[in-house]
């Protein structure tokens, strides 16, 4: 069955700090309870809700959205909702130009009210991309991939025009929220997703999506804006790939090959940019005094080159115009960020690459193995990177989030990882990260032009041992 038999709660906010709308879904095998903020009812307590259940709902709302004040009077009467199965081949394939294996959603359901009005889309995914140097139940590239696709499905369901559209994620903000019980699936490592299209315009749309894996992990919350381009317009602007490239993609796809499963980290080394290394006065002696680092371990900028993508890396994205998925690019960014952090703290050997798709199926490494956890990630994509187009040059700056710097410096010297890499938010050191991607070799006169900009907050955490150790 799609969801577990026990009920669970999801709260989606529409522009959390700005919109008065709030939705709460309580999923069961057949029905969902739906609430929305509106004028206070005349009665003191909403009918049909016992005080105990009402308090439980309010507590969960307050936990998930601490910035909003939700009073009992703001809840309306629950409305029965239904989950309607959405078969990919019958309801989705002809609406979006994303296909298997990049499309990895399972058990897709449309959430509808009694009148048949669609309120959102629910689904789950089974992580398949390696965790890499991240900790938790799912890497942030995999979470972003599933959520962005679910958002495009929700938008496509709301789109009133006929035909297939491309939903290009231009801006995205990924944050973490406290676990609320969206739906812990029976199988370890599965993730539950609910997506809602909150705004639909002629050429763009916005969605909010939430994903959960396990009660021990915070939920993922994605706010994304898509550029919508019809199939006809897209094909006029971007020519199809060469026929032999498309044939190779089809052959690989027929054999069950997935470049996302096969991800193995950055192919090229991550190197510090010596002019920006905050390691000693000698390395920055030519900088003006106001630009010199204040600490030996204050910040570091590292660089790497991502080779020109080949069509086989883009299977499922898109059918005739293979382009490197931005969520897949985030897997490379994650590896870059982790390696940059490892060099900043002087722990290169303690960040091994984990080939497993989920830590719930067994982690790796020794007691000293470290990983990064994504807490926030903001992304602005400026251009599609098509197969056989150009290399990408990435520069990643990492710096400590003060006031954790001083305590981290002393702990780094003693190598007492266990003293500060526990999941406690008051202990785990955090890092501010910014990554800039520009066009490299193969781009001709556009060399150095921006491809993407991103920033975020990551923290260190000690990995779990492998099951059976």
Protein backbone atom coordinates (compact mmCIF):
# COMPACT_ATOMS: atom_id res chain seq x y z
CA UNK A 1 0.00 0.00 0.00
CA UNK A 2 1.11 3.53 -0.74
CA UNK A 3 0.95 4.87 2.82
CA UNK A 4 1.29 3.10 6.15
CA UNK A 5 -1.95 2.18 7.86
CA UNK A 6 -1.47 4.63 10.67
CA UNK A 7 -2.62 8.19 10.00
CA UNK A 8 -0.08 10.89 9.48
CA UNK A 9 0.03 14.67 9.30
CA UNK A 10 1.48 17.00 6.73
CA UNK A 11 1.52 20.74 6.84
CA UNK A 12 2.28 22.75 3.74
CA UNK A 13 2.59 26.52 3.97
CA UNK A 14 2.09 28.87 1.09
CA UNK A 15 4.85 31.45 1.46
CA UNK A 16 5.15 30.72 5.16
CA UNK A 17 5.75 34.23 6.42
CA UNK A 18 3.46 36.01 4.00
CA UNK A 19 0.38 33.95 3.16
CA UNK A 20 -2.60 33.33 5.42
CA UNK A 21 -3.25 29.89 3.94
CA UNK A 22 -2.38 26.76 5.88
CA UNK A 23 -3.15 23.19 4.95
CA UNK A 24 -2.89 20.11 7.08
CA UNK A 25 -3.37 16.66 5.64
CA UNK A 26 -4.08 13.66 7.84
CA UNK A 27 -3.61 10.74 5.49
CA UNK A 28 -5.22 7.36 5.93
CA UNK A 29 -5.80 4.50 3.54
CA UNK A 30 -8.80 6.28 1.97
CA UNK A 31 -9.41 9.72 3.40
CA UNK A 32 -7.55 12.84 4.46
CA UNK A 33 -8.59 15.60 6.84
CA UNK A 34 -8.03 19.06 5.42
CA UNK A 35 -7.88 22.34 7.30
CA UNK A 36 -7.44 25.88 6.11
CA UNK A 37 -7.20 29.18 7.95
CA UNK A 38 -10.30 31.32 7.60
CA UNK A 39 -12.53 33.60 9.65
CA UNK A 40 -13.07 32.33 13.21
CA UNK A 41 -16.19 30.16 13.46
CA UNK A 42 -19.03 31.19 15.73
CA UNK A 43 -18.75 28.06 17.85
CA UNK A 44 -15.94 27.66 20.36
CA UNK A 45 -14.72 24.24 19.22
CA UNK A 46 -14.86 22.81 15.68
CA UNK A 47 -17.53 20.10 15.60
CA UNK A 48 -16.38 16.55 15.02
CA UNK A 49 -13.02 17.04 16.74
CA UNK A 50 -12.44 15.85 20.28
CA UNK A 51 -10.40 18.21 22.43
CA UNK A 52 -7.56 15.72 22.66
CA UNK A 53 -7.30 15.32 18.90
CA UNK A 54 -7.64 19.05 18.45
CA UNK A 55 -4.79 19.76 20.85
CA UNK A 56 -2.63 17.14 19.15
CA UNK A 57 -3.21 18.75 15.76
CA UNK A 58 -2.43 22.20 17.10
CA UNK A 59 0.74 20.94 18.75
CA UNK A 60 1.96 19.41 15.52
CA UNK A 61 1.16 22.61 13.63
CA UNK A 62 3.01 24.71 16.18
CA UNK A 63 6.00 22.38 16.04
CA UNK A 64 6.27 22.42 12.27
CA UNK A 65 5.64 26.12 11.77
CA UNK A 66 7.12 27.90 14.82
CA UNK A 67 6.92 31.30 13.12
CA UNK A 68 3.13 31.25 12.88
CA UNK A 69 0.62 31.62 15.67
CA UNK A 70 -2.23 29.17 15.21
CA UNK A 71 -5.17 29.44 17.56
CA UNK A 72 -8.02 27.01 18.00
CA UNK A 73 -10.49 29.45 16.49
CA UNK A 74 -8.60 29.43 13.16
CA UNK A 75 -9.42 25.81 12.39
CA UNK A 76 -12.41 25.01 10.26
CA UNK A 77 -14.44 21.84 10.02
CA UNK A 78 -12.47 18.93 8.48
CA UNK A 79 -13.42 18.06 4.94
CA UNK A 80 -13.11 14.49 3.63
CA UNK A 81 -10.52 14.15 0.87
CA UNK A 82 -9.62 11.25 -1.38
CA UNK A 83 -6.46 9.88 -2.95
CA UNK A 84 -6.87 9.07 -6.62
CA UNK A 85 -4.16 6.91 -8.25
CA UNK A 86 -2.18 8.58 -11.04
CA UNK A 87 -0.70 6.11 -13.47
CA UNK A 88 2.50 7.55 -14.96
CA UNK A 89 1.86 6.32 -18.50
CA UNK A 90 -1.77 7.48 -18.59
CA UNK A 91 -1.76 10.71 -16.60
CA UNK A 92 1.79 12.08 -16.36
CA UNK A 93 4.00 11.01 -19.27
CA UNK A 94 2.23 13.22 -21.81
CA UNK A 95 2.32 16.27 -19.51
CA UNK A 96 6.04 16.59 -18.62
CA UNK A 97 9.15 15.80 -20.64
CA UNK A 98 10.87 13.89 -17.83
CA UNK A 99 10.97 10.13 -18.11
CA UNK A 100 12.38 7.01 -16.47
CA UNK A 101 15.03 6.57 -15.06
CA UNK A 102 15.30 10.22 -14.02
CA UNK A 103 11.61 10.11 -13.18
CA UNK A 104 11.61 7.89 -10.09
CA UNK A 105 8.28 8.63 -8.37
CA UNK A 106 6.18 5.72 -7.20
CA UNK A 107 2.58 5.32 -6.00
CA UNK A 108 1.53 8.69 -7.36
CA UNK A 109 -1.80 9.94 -6.00
CA UNK A 110 -3.88 13.02 -6.68
CA UNK A 111 -5.35 14.57 -3.54
CA UNK A 112 -8.93 15.66 -4.21
CA UNK A 113 -11.84 17.01 -2.22
CA UNK A 114 -15.42 15.76 -2.49
CA UNK A 115 -16.11 18.05 -5.45
CA UNK A 116 -13.17 16.60 -7.39
CA UNK A 117 -10.99 19.67 -6.98
CA UNK A 118 -7.34 18.67 -6.98
CA UNK A 119 -5.35 20.01 -4.05
CA UNK A 120 -1.96 18.41 -4.60
CA UNK A 121 0.00 15.27 -5.40
CA UNK A 122 1.34 12.61 -3.04
CA UNK A 123 3.90 9.93 -3.86
CA UNK A 124 6.99 8.19 -2.57
CA UNK A 125 10.47 7.42 -3.80
CA UNK A 126 13.09 4.81 -3.00
CA UNK A 127 16.52 6.48 -2.81
CA UNK A 128 18.91 5.13 -5.41
CA UNK A 129 21.66 7.74 -5.59
CA UNK A 130 24.68 7.07 -3.37
CA UNK A 131 24.83 9.04 -0.13
CA UNK A 132 28.32 10.19 -1.08
CA UNK A 133 29.82 12.20 1.75
CA UNK A 134 26.46 13.08 3.30
CA UNK A 135 24.74 11.75 6.40
CA UNK A 136 21.07 11.16 7.08
CA UNK A 137 18.48 9.06 5.31
CA UNK A 138 18.72 10.60 1.85
CA UNK A 139 21.24 12.86 0.13
CA UNK A 140 20.05 16.37 -0.66
CA UNK A 141 20.45 15.85 -4.42
CA UNK A 142 18.13 12.83 -4.29
CA UNK A 143 15.66 14.70 -2.08
CA UNK A 144 15.73 17.65 -4.47
CA UNK A 145 15.28 15.36 -7.45
CA UNK A 146 12.19 13.65 -6.04
CA UNK A 147 10.64 16.86 -4.76
CA UNK A 148 11.28 18.86 -7.94
CA UNK A 149 9.73 16.13 -10.09
CA UNK A 150 6.74 15.84 -7.74
CA UNK A 151 6.33 19.61 -7.94
CA UNK A 152 6.34 19.51 -11.73
CA UNK A 153 3.66 16.80 -11.64
CA UNK A 154 1.53 18.92 -9.31
CA UNK A 155 1.99 21.90 -11.63
CA UNK A 156 1.22 19.83 -14.72
CA UNK A 157 -1.99 18.64 -13.10
CA UNK A 158 -3.00 22.26 -12.54
CA UNK A 159 -1.92 23.38 -16.00
CA UNK A 160 -5.06 23.92 -18.11
CA UNK A 161 -3.38 23.99 -21.52
CA UNK A 162 -3.05 20.82 -23.55
CA UNK A 163 0.22 19.23 -24.53
CA UNK A 164 3.57 18.55 -22.93
CA UNK A 165 5.51 21.23 -21.07
CA UNK A 166 9.04 21.58 -19.79
CA UNK A 167 9.24 22.65 -16.15
CA UNK A 168 12.69 24.19 -15.69
CA UNK A 169 13.62 24.85 -12.08
CA UNK A 170 15.08 28.36 -12.04
CA UNK A 171 15.02 29.17 -8.35
CA UNK A 172 14.81 26.78 -5.44
CA UNK A 173 15.13 27.01 -1.69
CA UNK A 174 15.60 23.80 0.29
CA UNK A 175 15.24 23.91 4.07
CA UNK A 176 14.63 21.48 6.92
CA UNK A 177 11.53 21.27 9.09
CA UNK A 178 10.79 19.17 12.18
CA UNK A 179 9.42 15.73 11.37
CA UNK A 180 5.61 15.75 11.57
CA UNK A 181 4.62 12.23 10.56
CA UNK A 182 3.92 12.69 6.87
CA UNK A 183 4.06 8.94 6.48
CA UNK A 184 6.83 6.55 7.46
CA UNK A 185 6.72 3.80 4.88
CA UNK A 186 7.09 0.15 5.68
CA UNK A 187 10.32 -0.35 3.74
CA UNK A 188 13.47 1.24 5.21
CA UNK A 189 14.84 4.13 3.21
CA UNK A 190 11.61 5.08 1.44
CA UNK A 191 10.54 8.69 1.41
CA UNK A 192 7.03 10.19 1.34
CA UNK A 193 6.35 13.34 -0.65
CA UNK A 194 3.41 15.73 -0.91
CA UNK A 195 3.51 18.57 -3.44
CA UNK A 196 1.18 21.50 -4.09
CA UNK A 197 1.24 24.07 -6.87
CA UNK A 198 0.64 27.39 -5.14
CA UNK A 199 0.87 29.74 -8.11
CA UNK A 200 0.26 29.29 -11.84
CA UNK A 201 1.03 32.00 -14.40
CA UNK A 202 1.24 32.00 -18.18
CA UNK A 203 4.93 31.13 -18.33
CA UNK A 204 5.93 30.21 -14.78
CA UNK A 205 4.61 28.49 -11.68
CA UNK A 206 5.62 27.91 -8.07
CA UNK A 207 5.28 24.84 -5.89
CA UNK A 208 5.89 23.83 -2.29
CA UNK A 209 6.88 20.28 -1.52
CA UNK A 210 7.67 18.38 1.66
CA UNK A 211 9.55 15.09 1.98
CA UNK A 212 10.09 12.82 4.98
CA UNK A 213 12.09 9.64 5.46
CA UNK A 214 12.18 8.76 9.15
CA UNK A 215 11.19 10.16 12.52
CA UNK A 216 14.88 10.49 13.41
CA UNK A 217 15.45 12.92 10.56
CA UNK A 218 14.09 16.39 9.90
CA UNK A 219 11.74 16.78 6.96
CA UNK A 220 12.85 18.47 3.73
CA UNK A 221 10.88 21.48 2.51
CA UNK A 222 11.31 22.81 -1.03
CA UNK A 223 10.07 26.08 -2.47
CA UNK A 224 10.66 26.10 -6.21
CA UNK A 225 9.82 28.30 -9.19
CA UNK A 226 9.62 26.71 -12.62
CA UNK A 227 9.85 28.28 -16.05
CA UNK A 228 7.14 26.63 -18.15
CA UNK A 229 7.90 26.12 -21.83
CA UNK A 230 5.65 24.23 -24.22
CA UNK A 231 7.12 21.37 -26.21
CA UNK A 232 6.74 23.25 -29.49
CA UNK A 233 8.48 26.40 -28.26
CA UNK A 234 11.27 24.41 -26.61
CA UNK A 235 11.98 22.46 -29.79
CA UNK A 236 12.13 25.67 -31.81
CA UNK A 237 14.77 27.17 -29.52
CA UNK A 238 16.81 24.01 -28.84
CA UNK A 239 17.59 21.57 -31.63
CA UNK A 240 17.41 17.84 -31.08
CA UNK A 241 20.53 15.90 -30.22
CA UNK A 242 22.31 13.87 -32.86
CA UNK A 243 20.60 10.64 -33.80
CA UNK A 244 23.51 8.45 -32.71
CA UNK A 245 23.50 10.12 -29.28
CA UNK A 246 19.78 9.45 -28.90
CA UNK A 247 20.27 5.83 -29.98
CA UNK A 248 22.99 5.31 -27.35
CA UNK A 249 20.69 6.74 -24.71
CA UNK A 250 17.86 4.42 -25.72
CA UNK A 251 20.19 1.43 -25.69
CA UNK A 252 21.50 2.26 -22.22
CA UNK A 253 17.97 2.85 -20.99
CA UNK A 254 16.78 -0.49 -22.39
CA UNK A 255 19.52 -2.24 -20.42
CA UNK A 256 18.31 -0.62 -17.20
CA UNK A 257 21.28 1.72 -16.85
CA UNK A 258 20.78 4.73 -14.59
CA UNK A 259 23.49 7.39 -14.34
CA UNK A 260 21.94 8.46 -11.05
CA UNK A 261 22.51 5.05 -9.46
CA UNK A 262 26.01 4.99 -10.93
CA UNK A 263 27.07 8.33 -9.43
CA UNK A 264 30.56 7.99 -7.93
CA UNK A 265 31.53 11.53 -6.98
CA UNK A 266 33.52 14.23 -8.71
CA UNK A 267 35.74 12.92 -11.51
CA UNK A 268 38.38 15.63 -11.05
CA UNK A 269 40.30 16.64 -7.90
CA UNK A 270 39.12 19.39 -5.58
CA UNK A 271 41.96 21.88 -5.20
CA UNK A 272 42.30 24.87 -2.84
CA UNK A 273 42.65 28.26 -4.46
CA UNK A 274 45.83 29.33 -2.66
CA UNK A 275 45.02 33.02 -2.79
CA UNK A 276 41.94 32.40 -0.68
CA UNK A 277 43.26 29.82 1.79
CA UNK A 278 43.05 31.16 5.34
CA UNK A 279 45.93 28.96 6.50
CA UNK A 280 48.79 31.35 7.19
CA UNK A 281 49.80 34.96 6.76
CA UNK A 282 52.37 33.97 4.14
CA UNK A 283 49.76 32.73 1.68
CA UNK A 284 47.77 35.97 1.80
CA UNK A 285 50.52 38.52 2.36
CA UNK A 286 49.68 40.28 -0.90
CA UNK A 287 46.09 40.94 0.16
CA UNK A 288 45.07 44.30 1.64
CA UNK A 289 44.97 44.15 5.43
CA UNK A 290 41.17 44.50 5.53
CA UNK A 291 40.80 41.39 3.34
CA UNK A 292 43.19 39.18 5.26
CA UNK A 293 41.69 36.32 7.23
CA UNK A 294 41.35 36.78 10.97
CA UNK A 295 41.93 33.15 11.80
CA UNK A 296 44.03 30.26 10.60
CA UNK A 297 40.90 28.19 9.93
CA UNK A 298 38.43 30.88 8.99
CA UNK A 299 37.55 30.11 5.37
CA UNK A 300 38.67 28.32 2.27
CA UNK A 301 37.80 28.38 -1.43
CA UNK A 302 38.21 25.22 -3.48
CA UNK A 303 37.78 24.65 -7.19
CA UNK A 304 37.10 21.77 -9.54
CA UNK A 305 36.12 21.16 -13.13
CA UNK A 306 33.06 19.14 -14.14
CA UNK A 307 33.64 17.60 -17.56
CA UNK A 308 31.34 18.19 -20.48
CA UNK A 309 28.27 15.98 -19.88
CA UNK A 310 27.65 13.08 -22.21
CA UNK A 311 24.15 11.98 -23.31
CA UNK A 312 24.30 8.86 -21.13
CA UNK A 313 24.45 11.10 -18.04
CA UNK A 314 21.15 12.73 -18.97
CA UNK A 315 18.89 9.74 -19.60
CA UNK A 316 15.28 10.73 -18.91
CA UNK A 317 16.08 14.47 -18.99
CA UNK A 318 15.05 15.19 -21.74
CA UNK A 319 13.86 12.79 -24.46
CA UNK A 320 15.21 14.59 -27.55
CA UNK A 321 17.35 17.25 -25.87
CA UNK A 322 19.50 15.54 -23.22
CA UNK A 323 20.53 18.04 -20.54
CA UNK A 324 22.25 17.53 -17.20
CA UNK A 325 19.52 17.63 -14.51
CA UNK A 326 20.09 20.37 -11.97
CA UNK A 327 19.35 17.91 -9.15
CA UNK A 328 22.06 15.62 -10.51
CA UNK A 329 24.41 18.60 -10.64
CA UNK A 330 23.67 19.05 -6.93
CA UNK A 331 25.20 15.61 -6.28
CA UNK A 332 28.49 16.94 -7.67
CA UNK A 333 28.07 20.13 -5.63
CA UNK A 334 27.55 18.06 -2.48
CA UNK A 335 30.82 16.21 -3.10
CA UNK A 336 32.59 19.51 -3.74
CA UNK A 337 31.21 21.03 -0.54
CA UNK A 338 32.15 18.02 1.58
CA UNK A 339 35.68 17.89 0.22
CA UNK A 340 36.06 21.64 0.73
CA UNK A 341 34.89 21.34 4.34
CA UNK A 342 37.25 18.40 4.93
CA UNK A 343 40.19 20.48 3.74
CA UNK A 344 39.10 23.45 5.83
CA UNK A 345 39.03 21.43 9.08
CA UNK A 346 42.03 19.28 8.16
CA UNK A 347 40.14 15.98 8.14
CA UNK A 348 40.57 14.79 4.55
CA UNK A 349 40.80 11.10 5.51
CA UNK A 350 37.63 11.19 7.60
CA UNK A 351 35.19 11.92 4.75
CA UNK A 352 34.98 8.60 2.82
CA UNK A 353 32.55 8.29 -0.09
CA UNK A 354 29.53 6.15 0.80
CA UNK A 355 28.24 4.20 -2.24
CA UNK A 356 25.01 3.15 -0.47
CA UNK A 357 21.80 4.94 -1.47
CA UNK A 358 20.50 5.17 2.12
CA UNK A 359 22.09 5.07 5.52
CA UNK A 360 19.11 3.08 6.75
CA UNK A 361 20.47 0.19 4.72
CA UNK A 362 23.91 0.36 6.32
CA UNK A 363 26.40 3.17 6.74
CA UNK A 364 30.11 2.95 6.20
CA UNK A 365 33.39 3.74 7.79
CA UNK A 366 34.89 3.82 11.23
CA UNK A 367 34.12 5.79 14.36
CA UNK A 368 36.05 8.72 12.89
CA UNK A 369 34.04 8.89 9.64
CA UNK A 370 32.38 12.26 9.15
CA UNK A 371 29.65 13.43 6.83
CA UNK A 372 27.89 16.68 6.01
CA UNK A 373 24.22 17.39 6.57
CA UNK A 374 22.38 19.92 4.43
CA UNK A 375 20.31 22.33 6.52
CA UNK A 376 19.58 24.94 3.88
CA UNK A 377 20.40 25.29 0.20
CA UNK A 378 19.47 28.10 -2.18
CA UNK A 379 19.94 27.64 -5.90
CA UNK A 380 19.64 29.92 -8.91
CA UNK A 381 20.08 28.13 -12.24
CA UNK A 382 21.01 30.49 -15.05
CA UNK A 383 21.35 28.16 -18.02
CA UNK A 384 20.63 24.61 -19.18
CA UNK A 385 23.74 22.46 -19.62
CA UNK A 386 23.07 20.23 -22.61
CA UNK A 387 25.02 17.09 -23.40
CA UNK A 388 28.22 17.68 -25.39
CA UNK A 389 28.08 21.41 -24.67
CA UNK A 390 30.79 22.66 -22.30
CA UNK A 391 32.71 22.00 -19.10
CA UNK A 392 31.70 23.71 -15.87
CA UNK A 393 34.16 25.41 -13.55
CA UNK A 394 33.04 25.43 -9.92
CA UNK A 395 34.38 27.55 -7.07
CA UNK A 396 33.20 26.67 -3.57
CA UNK A 397 33.80 28.91 -0.57
CA UNK A 398 33.28 27.41 2.90
CA UNK A 399 33.59 29.24 6.17
CA UNK A 400 32.69 28.54 9.76
CA UNK A 401 29.45 29.88 11.17
CA UNK A 402 30.56 31.96 14.14
CA UNK A 403 30.60 31.64 17.15
CA UNK A 404 31.38 27.95 16.57
CA UNK A 405 34.76 28.71 15.02
CA UNK A 406 36.83 28.93 18.18
CA UNK A 407 35.52 25.71 19.73
CA UNK A 408 35.96 23.90 16.43
CA UNK A 409 39.58 25.03 16.13
CA UNK A 410 40.48 23.58 19.52
CA UNK A 411 38.64 20.33 18.79
CA UNK A 412 40.27 20.02 15.38
CA UNK A 413 43.67 20.12 17.02
CA UNK A 414 42.75 17.28 19.39
CA UNK A 415 40.87 15.24 16.72
CA UNK A 416 38.07 14.56 19.20
CA UNK A 417 35.40 14.23 16.55
CA UNK A 418 32.86 12.55 18.81
CA UNK A 419 32.81 15.59 21.08
CA UNK A 420 31.25 17.83 18.45
CA UNK A 421 29.83 15.72 15.64
CA UNK A 422 26.74 14.46 17.43
CA UNK A 423 23.35 15.34 15.90
CA UNK A 424 22.73 17.99 18.57
CA UNK A 425 22.22 21.36 16.86
CA UNK A 426 24.02 23.03 19.75
CA UNK A 427 27.18 21.01 19.22
CA UNK A 428 27.54 20.17 15.53
CA UNK A 429 29.69 22.77 13.75
CA UNK A 430 28.03 24.54 10.86
CA UNK A 431 29.48 26.01 7.71
CA UNK A 432 28.32 28.72 5.37
CA UNK A 433 28.74 27.62 1.78
CA UNK A 434 28.58 29.39 -1.57
CA UNK A 435 29.19 27.79 -4.95
CA UNK A 436 29.48 29.54 -8.29
CA UNK A 437 29.44 27.62 -11.57
CA UNK A 438 30.68 29.15 -14.82
CA UNK A 439 31.16 27.96 -18.39
CA UNK A 440 34.49 26.35 -19.12
CA UNK A 441 36.15 24.69 -22.07
CA UNK A 442 33.88 24.21 -25.05
CA UNK A 443 31.82 27.35 -24.48
CA UNK A 444 33.79 29.50 -26.91
CA UNK A 445 33.24 33.21 -26.47
CA UNK A 446 30.97 32.61 -23.47
CA UNK A 447 33.81 31.20 -21.34
CA UNK A 448 33.31 32.35 -17.76
CA UNK A 449 29.61 33.11 -18.16
CA UNK A 450 27.54 32.13 -15.13
CA UNK A 451 25.69 28.81 -15.10
CA UNK A 452 24.48 28.63 -11.50
CA UNK A 453 24.82 30.31 -8.12
CA UNK A 454 24.08 28.67 -4.81
CA UNK A 455 24.50 29.15 -1.09
CA UNK A 456 23.62 27.17 1.98
CA UNK A 457 24.30 25.95 5.48
CA UNK A 458 25.80 22.53 6.16
CA UNK A 459 26.83 20.86 9.41
CA UNK A 460 29.14 18.01 10.33
CA UNK A 461 27.88 14.75 11.75
CA UNK A 462 29.51 11.47 12.62
CA UNK A 463 28.34 8.57 10.50
CA UNK A 464 26.60 5.54 11.90
CA UNK A 465 28.42 2.23 11.79
CA UNK A 466 27.65 -0.36 9.18
CA UNK A 467 24.87 -2.73 10.23
CA UNK A 468 26.48 -5.73 11.93
CA UNK A 469 29.64 -3.93 13.01
